[in-house]
Amino acid sequence: MADTSAYLEQLIAWRRHLHQYPEASFEEVQTVAYIRDELAARVPGAMMRQLTATSLVVELDTGRPGPRIGLRADIDGLVMQEDRPDLEFASKVPNRMHGCGHDAHAATMMAALAWAWDHRDELSGTIVGIFQHAEETPPGGAKEMVATGFFEDFDHIFGFHYWATLPVGTVDVKDGPASANSDLWEVTLDGKGAHASMPELSSDAVLATSTLVQQLLQIPARRVHGLEPAVVTCTWLEAGTQQALNVIPPRSRVGGVVRTHSDEVRAVVRRSFDEILAGLEAANPGLTCTLDYLVGYDMVWNDPGCTAVVRELAQARWGDQVVSEAAMLGGEDFAAFSRVAPSTYVFIGAGNPDKGFSSSHHSPTFGLDEDAFPVALQLTIDVIRHANDLAEAGRKP
């Protein structure tokens, strides 16, 4: 990887600084300031602007006609306490952690822009670094950025995710779906409380909630075709108090997530919520169910033509280490970019149990093997070099 070696030391330094100072979604003020200051010195000819209060785009115009491509990195951290005392660059901010690798995504794109500036005489068109806020909090920062109209004339947008459950050296390139439609739901059930010894006087919200959870979790198995991915999960339930075990509470609240891979299945699941809640109210006189359903991230869609080009670039360097895993059922708001421009989103293996990097994303012990960084940087550089091929592929029907 001689082409990237000169940039890796700076990439690691940038990443380790960002890792120490994570900021939560919509709070990335200092993160944006740091990226802006560092790139102002390293890429002095770039135009920078903030499309939203805590995002940044860095536009490098080569001065020659050509495609307009985007390199997207998310920049927010998580509200959680890091548990990696072995890392000398562990988070210094209480209850904040880069527990999903966004620090490394940002640093990699910073290094790619530095490479593009140094090699601008070899390139054409415009390269735009997209440092996106609030990936972790639906409805997400990508929708806000896209809503400005800034991305409507892009020929291609490329993104990637370091993936801790794939071994270092693996590059996962998928056609079509690369993530899931990701929605959130909460239901408040208001009934009538009573003494626990006289349940006949109540409209029991707790009993209705237990029925509701079972019916909702059966949606994928009984209302969705067996070959279509769909997940309905309950992750939160709240009713009554431990100090009043002899009281049937008048209210219960429950919530969770929905994940699907098609808009049609998404609609089936959403409609099923309404039907199940209507039936529950009918079966429990005096009960009222209030649904708060947040349509969150759409499914990331990898343009087949552009993705074929990216796969060829990856295979030319890493051969049979390039795989195509099944699309995850996790959410990813890169989806908003993939809806407005031909896009490709890939996963770069960054797990290495021998070095202590085997924990899942969003875990207090999450970590990345920095040996993955040359792979992601090289692939991003190859995307920049082949911008014309990607633009042509994206224009084909």
Protein backbone atom coordinates (compact mmCIF):
# COMPACT_ATOMS: atom_id res chain seq x y z
CA MET A 1 0.00 0.00 0.00
CA ALA A 2 2.83 2.41 -0.83
CA ASP A 3 0.29 4.81 -2.30
CA THR A 4 -1.25 5.47 1.12
CA SER A 5 1.65 5.02 3.53
CA ALA A 6 2.50 8.72 3.63
CA TYR A 7 -1.05 9.49 4.82
CA LEU A 8 -1.60 6.74 7.39
CA GLU A 9 0.34 8.35 10.24
CA GLN A 10 -1.77 11.48 9.96
CA LEU A 11 -4.96 9.41 9.60
CA ILE A 12 -4.20 7.60 12.86
CA ALA A 13 -3.37 10.84 14.66
CA TRP A 14 -6.61 12.43 13.51
CA ARG A 15 -8.60 9.38 14.48
CA ARG A 16 -7.08 9.12 17.94
CA HIS A 17 -7.78 12.79 18.66
CA LEU A 18 -11.40 12.45 17.56
CA HIS A 19 -11.74 9.28 19.62
CA GLN A 20 -10.74 11.12 22.79
CA TYR A 21 -13.33 13.88 22.33
CA PRO A 22 -16.61 12.32 21.14
CA GLU A 23 -19.78 14.37 20.88
CA ALA A 24 -23.32 13.06 20.67
CA SER A 25 -25.71 13.57 17.77
CA PHE A 26 -26.53 17.21 16.99
CA GLU A 27 -23.81 18.31 19.45
CA GLU A 28 -20.77 17.90 17.17
CA VAL A 29 -19.61 21.54 17.43
CA GLN A 30 -16.02 20.89 18.49
CA THR A 31 -15.72 17.90 16.15
CA VAL A 32 -16.62 20.05 13.15
CA ALA A 33 -14.28 22.81 14.31
CA TYR A 34 -11.42 20.34 14.58
CA ILE A 35 -12.02 18.84 11.12
CA ARG A 36 -12.34 22.31 9.59
CA ASP A 37 -9.13 23.58 11.21
CA GLU A 38 -7.10 20.51 10.29
CA LEU A 39 -8.25 20.45 6.68
CA ALA A 40 -7.87 24.21 6.27
CA ALA A 41 -4.16 23.67 6.82
CA ARG A 42 -3.86 20.39 4.94
CA VAL A 43 -6.18 21.13 1.99
CA PRO A 44 -5.83 24.92 1.70
CA GLY A 45 -7.57 25.20 -1.68
CA ALA A 46 -10.82 23.57 -0.57
CA MET A 47 -14.09 25.42 -0.07
CA MET A 48 -15.79 24.63 3.22
CA ARG A 49 -19.35 25.22 4.33
CA GLN A 50 -21.76 24.00 6.97
CA LEU A 51 -25.08 22.88 5.53
CA THR A 52 -26.36 22.44 9.09
CA ALA A 53 -25.16 23.64 12.47
CA THR A 54 -23.00 20.58 13.17
CA SER A 55 -22.04 19.21 9.76
CA LEU A 56 -19.36 20.15 7.23
CA VAL A 57 -18.79 19.74 3.50
CA VAL A 58 -15.32 20.21 2.02
CA GLU A 59 -15.30 20.87 -1.72
CA LEU A 60 -12.15 20.35 -3.76
CA ASP A 61 -12.48 21.59 -7.34
CA THR A 62 -9.68 20.31 -9.56
CA GLY A 63 -10.29 23.09 -12.10
CA ARG A 64 -10.96 20.56 -14.86
CA PRO A 65 -14.36 19.39 -16.11
CA GLY A 66 -15.53 16.10 -14.70
CA PRO A 67 -17.92 14.38 -12.35
CA ARG A 68 -18.98 15.58 -8.94
CA ILE A 69 -18.50 12.84 -6.36
CA GLY A 70 -19.06 12.73 -2.61
CA LEU A 71 -17.10 10.94 0.10
CA ARG A 72 -19.33 10.62 3.15
CA ALA A 73 -18.24 10.09 6.76
CA ASP A 74 -20.41 10.25 9.88
CA ILE A 75 -18.90 12.08 12.84
CA ASP A 76 -21.09 11.66 15.95
CA GLY A 77 -20.41 9.49 18.97
CA LEU A 78 -22.69 7.64 21.37
CA VAL A 79 -24.08 8.42 24.80
CA MET A 80 -22.27 5.66 26.68
CA GLN A 81 -19.20 5.17 28.86
CA GLU A 82 -16.16 3.63 27.19
CA ASP A 83 -14.52 0.64 28.88
CA ARG A 84 -11.17 0.37 27.10
CA PRO A 85 -8.48 1.16 29.71
CA ASP A 86 -5.97 -0.51 27.40
CA LEU A 87 -6.28 2.31 24.86
CA GLU A 88 -4.02 5.30 25.46
CA PHE A 89 -6.44 7.39 23.41
CA ALA A 90 -9.65 6.32 25.18
CA SER A 91 -12.47 8.84 25.52
CA LYS A 92 -11.83 11.73 27.89
CA VAL A 93 -15.48 12.79 27.89
CA PRO A 94 -17.69 11.15 30.54
CA ASN A 95 -20.60 9.14 29.15
CA ARG A 96 -19.54 9.77 25.56
CA MET A 97 -17.83 7.25 23.31
CA HIS A 98 -17.02 6.63 19.68
CA GLY A 99 -18.52 3.17 19.99
CA CYS A 100 -19.29 2.67 16.30
CA GLY A 101 -16.16 3.83 14.48
CA HIS A 102 -17.31 7.24 13.27
CA ASP A 103 -14.05 8.77 14.46
CA ALA A 104 -12.18 6.48 12.07
CA HIS A 105 -14.62 7.14 9.22
CA ALA A 106 -14.02 10.88 9.54
CA ALA A 107 -10.24 10.54 9.79
CA THR A 108 -10.11 8.25 6.75
CA MET A 109 -12.06 10.73 4.62
CA MET A 110 -9.82 13.55 5.87
CA ALA A 111 -6.78 11.57 4.73
CA ALA A 112 -8.43 10.83 1.36
CA LEU A 113 -9.01 14.57 0.83
CA ALA A 114 -5.38 15.24 1.71
CA TRP A 115 -4.35 12.69 -0.93
CA ALA A 116 -6.70 14.26 -3.47
CA TRP A 117 -5.23 17.72 -2.84
CA ASP A 118 -1.67 16.43 -3.30
CA HIS A 119 -2.69 14.65 -6.54
CA ARG A 120 -5.14 17.22 -7.85
CA ASP A 121 -3.17 17.65 -11.07
CA GLU A 122 -3.99 14.03 -11.92
CA LEU A 123 -7.73 14.36 -11.27
CA SER A 124 -10.75 15.98 -12.86
CA GLY A 125 -14.10 17.20 -11.62
CA THR A 126 -14.95 17.94 -8.00
CA ILE A 127 -14.38 15.84 -4.88
CA VAL A 128 -16.59 16.66 -1.88
CA GLY A 129 -15.93 15.43 1.64
CA ILE A 130 -19.24 15.04 3.49
CA PHE A 131 -18.81 15.09 7.26
CA GLN A 132 -22.31 14.23 8.41
CA HIS A 133 -23.71 14.79 11.87
CA ALA A 134 -26.24 12.76 13.85
CA GLU A 135 -26.10 9.35 12.20
CA GLU A 136 -26.96 7.69 15.50
CA THR A 137 -30.23 9.52 16.22
CA PRO A 138 -33.25 9.05 13.92
CA PRO A 139 -34.48 10.71 11.81
CA GLY A 140 -30.77 11.48 11.40
CA GLY A 141 -28.51 14.17 10.04
CA ALA A 142 -28.34 12.90 6.46
CA LYS A 143 -31.96 13.86 5.79
CA GLU A 144 -31.26 17.37 7.04
CA MET A 145 -28.27 17.73 4.75
CA VAL A 146 -30.07 16.30 1.73
CA ALA A 147 -33.04 18.61 2.34
CA THR A 148 -30.81 21.60 1.54
CA GLY A 149 -30.66 20.48 -2.13
CA PHE A 150 -26.87 20.51 -2.12
CA PHE A 151 -26.54 16.92 -3.37
CA GLU A 152 -28.96 16.95 -6.28
CA ASP A 153 -26.25 17.19 -8.96
CA PHE A 154 -23.84 14.58 -7.59
CA ASP A 155 -22.73 11.83 -9.97
CA HIS A 156 -21.77 9.41 -7.22
CA ILE A 157 -21.60 9.27 -3.42
CA PHE A 158 -19.33 6.75 -1.73
CA GLY A 159 -19.34 5.68 1.89
CA PHE A 160 -18.06 2.86 4.04
CA HIS A 161 -18.27 1.46 7.56
CA TYR A 162 -15.47 -0.18 9.51
CA TRP A 163 -17.04 -3.42 10.66
CA ALA A 164 -15.79 -5.02 13.86
CA THR A 165 -17.37 -8.42 13.20
CA LEU A 166 -15.49 -8.88 9.91
CA PRO A 167 -11.80 -9.78 10.01
CA VAL A 168 -9.23 -7.22 8.92
CA GLY A 169 -8.61 -7.43 5.18
CA THR A 170 -12.20 -8.31 4.30
CA VAL A 171 -14.14 -5.96 2.04
CA ASP A 172 -17.91 -6.53 1.91
CA VAL A 173 -19.54 -5.09 -1.21
CA LYS A 174 -23.28 -5.65 -1.67
CA ASP A 175 -25.58 -5.00 -4.62
CA GLY A 176 -28.92 -3.37 -3.89
CA PRO A 177 -29.89 -3.35 -0.19
CA ALA A 178 -27.01 -2.72 2.19
CA SER A 179 -29.05 -1.96 5.32
CA ALA A 180 -32.65 -1.95 6.48
CA ASN A 181 -35.53 0.47 6.71
CA SER A 182 -35.23 1.34 10.38
CA ASP A 183 -38.27 2.59 12.30
CA LEU A 184 -39.01 3.21 15.99
CA TRP A 185 -42.30 2.74 17.81
CA GLU A 186 -43.85 3.45 21.20
CA VAL A 187 -47.33 2.60 22.45
CA THR A 188 -49.00 4.11 25.51
CA LEU A 189 -51.86 2.06 26.91
CA ASP A 190 -54.29 3.91 29.18
CA GLY A 191 -56.76 1.77 31.11
CA LYS A 192 -58.27 1.85 34.59
CA GLY A 193 -56.34 0.99 37.72
CA ALA A 194 -57.63 -1.07 40.62
CA HIS A 195 -56.57 -3.01 43.69
CA ALA A 196 -54.68 -6.14 42.67
CA SER A 197 -57.22 -8.29 44.51
CA MET A 198 -60.07 -6.92 42.37
CA PRO A 199 -58.88 -7.11 38.73
CA GLU A 200 -62.49 -7.25 37.56
CA LEU A 201 -62.75 -3.52 38.39
CA SER A 202 -59.83 -2.60 36.17
CA SER A 203 -59.16 -2.17 32.52
CA ASP A 204 -55.79 -3.85 32.88
CA ALA A 205 -53.09 -2.06 30.87
CA VAL A 206 -50.43 -4.55 31.98
CA LEU A 207 -52.37 -7.57 30.74
CA ALA A 208 -53.17 -5.76 27.48
CA THR A 209 -49.50 -4.90 27.05
CA SER A 210 -48.44 -8.53 27.42
CA THR A 211 -50.94 -9.45 24.71
CA LEU A 212 -49.77 -6.59 22.53
CA VAL A 213 -46.10 -7.59 22.71
CA GLN A 214 -46.88 -11.14 21.65
CA GLN A 215 -49.05 -10.00 18.74
CA LEU A 216 -46.52 -7.45 17.49
CA LEU A 217 -43.67 -9.96 17.57
CA GLN A 218 -45.79 -12.33 15.45
CA ILE A 219 -46.12 -9.82 12.61
CA PRO A 220 -43.02 -11.04 10.69
CA ALA A 221 -44.05 -14.68 11.05
CA ARG A 222 -47.75 -14.32 10.21
CA ARG A 223 -48.21 -11.19 8.09
CA VAL A 224 -45.02 -11.05 6.03
CA HIS A 225 -43.92 -13.48 3.31
CA GLY A 226 -41.41 -15.95 4.71
CA LEU A 227 -38.69 -14.97 2.22
CA GLU A 228 -38.93 -11.26 3.05
CA PRO A 229 -36.70 -9.97 5.90
CA ALA A 230 -38.65 -8.28 8.69
CA VAL A 231 -37.99 -7.80 12.39
CA VAL A 232 -40.27 -6.36 15.06
CA THR A 233 -38.60 -6.13 18.46
CA CYS A 234 -39.79 -4.88 21.84
CA THR A 235 -36.92 -3.27 23.76
CA TRP A 236 -38.65 -1.25 26.49
CA LEU A 237 -41.60 -1.82 28.81
CA GLU A 238 -42.72 0.31 31.73
CA ALA A 239 -45.70 -0.15 34.07
CA GLY A 240 -46.42 0.32 37.74
CA THR A 241 -43.84 0.44 40.53
CA GLN A 242 -42.05 -2.13 42.63
CA GLN A 243 -43.24 -0.29 45.74
CA ALA A 244 -46.91 -0.91 44.84
CA LEU A 245 -47.15 -4.57 43.94
CA ASN A 246 -50.75 -4.63 45.12
CA VAL A 247 -51.85 -2.01 42.58
CA ILE A 248 -52.94 -2.63 39.00
CA PRO A 249 -51.54 0.47 37.29
CA PRO A 250 -53.72 2.52 34.94
CA ARG A 251 -51.00 3.05 32.36
CA SER A 252 -48.35 1.01 30.58
CA ARG A 253 -45.80 2.01 27.97
CA VAL A 254 -43.89 -0.19 25.55
CA GLY A 255 -41.57 0.45 22.61
CA GLY A 256 -39.06 -0.99 20.20
CA VAL A 257 -37.90 -1.14 16.60
CA VAL A 258 -38.99 -2.34 13.17
CA ARG A 259 -36.53 -3.39 10.46
CA THR A 260 -37.44 -4.29 6.87
CA HIS A 261 -35.80 -4.54 3.44
CA SER A 262 -38.61 -3.32 1.22
CA ASP A 263 -41.06 -0.44 1.22
CA GLU A 264 -43.94 -2.87 0.67
CA VAL A 265 -43.11 -4.93 3.76
CA ARG A 266 -42.54 -1.74 5.72
CA ALA A 267 -46.10 -0.67 4.84
CA VAL A 268 -47.51 -4.07 5.84
CA VAL A 269 -45.86 -3.88 9.25
CA ARG A 270 -46.99 -0.30 9.82
CA ARG A 271 -50.60 -1.17 8.89
CA SER A 272 -50.48 -4.20 11.18
CA PHE A 273 -49.73 -1.98 14.16
CA ASP A 274 -52.96 -0.05 13.58
CA GLU A 275 -55.02 -3.21 13.12
CA ILE A 276 -53.63 -4.92 16.22
CA LEU A 277 -54.15 -1.86 18.40
CA ALA A 278 -57.73 -1.43 17.17
CA GLY A 279 -58.42 -5.07 18.01
CA LEU A 280 -56.85 -4.69 21.44
CA GLU A 281 -59.05 -1.71 22.26
CA ALA A 282 -62.14 -3.60 21.10
CA ALA A 283 -61.24 -6.57 23.30
CA ASN A 284 -60.57 -4.42 26.38
CA PRO A 285 -63.40 -1.94 27.04
CA GLY A 286 -62.09 1.25 28.57
CA LEU A 287 -58.59 0.81 27.14
CA THR A 288 -57.05 3.46 24.86
CA CYS A 289 -53.89 2.78 22.84
CA THR A 290 -51.81 5.65 21.49
CA LEU A 291 -49.15 4.84 18.91
CA ASP A 292 -46.09 6.99 18.26
CA TYR A 293 -44.49 5.51 15.13
CA LEU A 294 -41.33 7.18 13.83
CA VAL A 295 -40.44 6.37 10.23
CA GLY A 296 -36.68 6.46 10.57
CA TYR A 297 -33.87 5.66 8.15
CA ASP A 298 -34.64 4.25 4.76
CA MET A 299 -32.80 1.25 3.38
CA VAL A 300 -29.38 2.00 1.89
CA TRP A 301 -29.52 1.19 -1.81
CA ASN A 302 -26.29 0.42 -3.63
CA ASP A 303 -26.58 1.38 -7.29
CA PRO A 304 -25.79 -1.84 -9.23
CA GLY A 305 -23.68 -0.15 -11.93
CA CYS A 306 -21.58 1.95 -9.57
CA THR A 307 -21.23 -0.90 -7.11
CA ALA A 308 -19.91 -3.20 -9.85
CA VAL A 309 -17.15 -0.65 -10.49
CA VAL A 310 -16.28 -0.46 -6.78
CA ARG A 311 -16.26 -4.25 -6.53
CA GLU A 312 -13.85 -4.50 -9.45
CA LEU A 313 -11.56 -1.94 -7.83
CA ALA A 314 -11.60 -3.90 -4.58
CA GLN A 315 -11.05 -7.27 -6.23
CA ALA A 316 -8.09 -5.92 -8.17
CA ARG A 317 -6.33 -5.29 -4.85
CA TRP A 318 -7.75 -7.84 -2.39
CA GLY A 319 -8.99 -10.67 -4.60
CA ASP A 320 -11.02 -13.31 -2.77
CA GLN A 321 -11.07 -11.23 0.39
CA VAL A 322 -13.86 -9.28 -1.29
CA VAL A 323 -17.17 -10.81 -0.24
CA SER A 324 -20.87 -10.04 -0.47
CA GLU A 325 -22.60 -10.75 2.83
CA ALA A 326 -26.37 -10.59 3.26
CA ALA A 327 -27.68 -7.09 3.88
CA MET A 328 -27.80 -6.27 7.57
CA LEU A 329 -31.03 -5.45 9.37
CA GLY A 330 -29.36 -2.53 11.11
CA GLY A 331 -30.19 1.04 10.19
CA GLU A 332 -27.84 3.47 8.43
CA ASP A 333 -28.82 6.96 7.38
CA PHE A 334 -26.43 7.00 4.43
CA ALA A 335 -29.72 5.88 2.88
CA ALA A 336 -30.75 9.52 2.44
CA PHE A 337 -27.77 10.09 0.13
CA SER A 338 -28.46 6.88 -1.79
CA ARG A 339 -31.94 8.19 -2.57
CA VAL A 340 -30.66 11.34 -4.34
CA ALA A 341 -27.53 10.10 -6.16
CA PRO A 342 -26.09 6.82 -7.46
CA SER A 343 -24.30 5.50 -4.40
CA THR A 344 -22.18 2.70 -3.01
CA TYR A 345 -21.74 1.83 0.67
CA VAL A 346 -19.31 -0.91 1.68
CA PHE A 347 -18.11 -2.57 4.86
CA ILE A 348 -14.41 -2.81 5.73
CA GLY A 349 -13.35 -5.58 8.11
CA ALA A 350 -11.74 -4.20 11.28
CA GLY A 351 -12.06 -7.04 13.78
CA ASN A 352 -9.09 -8.86 15.27
CA PRO A 353 -9.67 -10.96 18.43
CA ASP A 354 -5.91 -11.48 18.85
CA LYS A 355 -5.55 -7.74 19.52
CA GLY A 356 -8.68 -7.47 21.64
CA PHE A 357 -10.92 -6.09 18.91
CA SER A 358 -13.88 -8.45 18.82
CA SER A 359 -16.68 -6.59 20.63
CA SER A 360 -19.76 -5.57 18.72
CA HIS A 361 -20.62 -2.05 17.71
CA HIS A 362 -22.32 0.06 20.42
CA SER A 363 -20.54 -1.96 23.11
CA PRO A 364 -18.46 -0.26 25.86
CA THR A 365 -15.53 -2.47 24.84
CA PHE A 366 -15.86 -1.80 21.10
CA GLY A 367 -12.67 -1.15 19.18
CA LEU A 368 -11.08 -1.22 15.74
CA ASP A 369 -7.84 -2.73 14.51
CA GLU A 370 -5.98 0.14 12.88
CA ASP A 371 -4.56 -2.32 10.36
CA ALA A 372 -7.92 -1.90 8.59
CA PHE A 373 -7.24 1.77 7.87
CA PRO A 374 -4.95 1.25 4.83
CA VAL A 375 -7.67 -0.85 3.16
CA ALA A 376 -10.41 1.76 3.53
CA LEU A 377 -8.11 4.62 2.56
CA GLN A 378 -6.83 2.82 -0.52
CA LEU A 379 -10.33 1.92 -1.68
CA THR A 380 -11.47 5.52 -1.20
CA ILE A 381 -8.51 6.76 -3.23
CA ASP A 382 -9.33 4.26 -5.98
CA VAL A 383 -12.89 5.61 -6.00
CA ILE A 384 -11.53 9.13 -6.45
CA ARG A 385 -9.24 8.00 -9.26
CA HIS A 386 -12.09 6.25 -11.07
CA ALA A 387 -14.70 8.97 -10.62
CA ASN A 388 -15.34 9.10 -14.37
CA ASP A 389 -16.07 5.35 -14.50
CA LEU A 390 -18.42 5.64 -11.54
CA ALA A 391 -20.26 8.59 -13.05
CA GLU A 392 -20.73 6.74 -16.33
CA ALA A 393 -21.97 3.61 -14.55
CA GLY A 394 -24.41 5.66 -12.50
CA ARG A 395 -25.93 7.20 -15.64
CA LYS A 396 -26.78 3.83 -17.18
CA PRO A 397 -30.38 2.64 -16.75
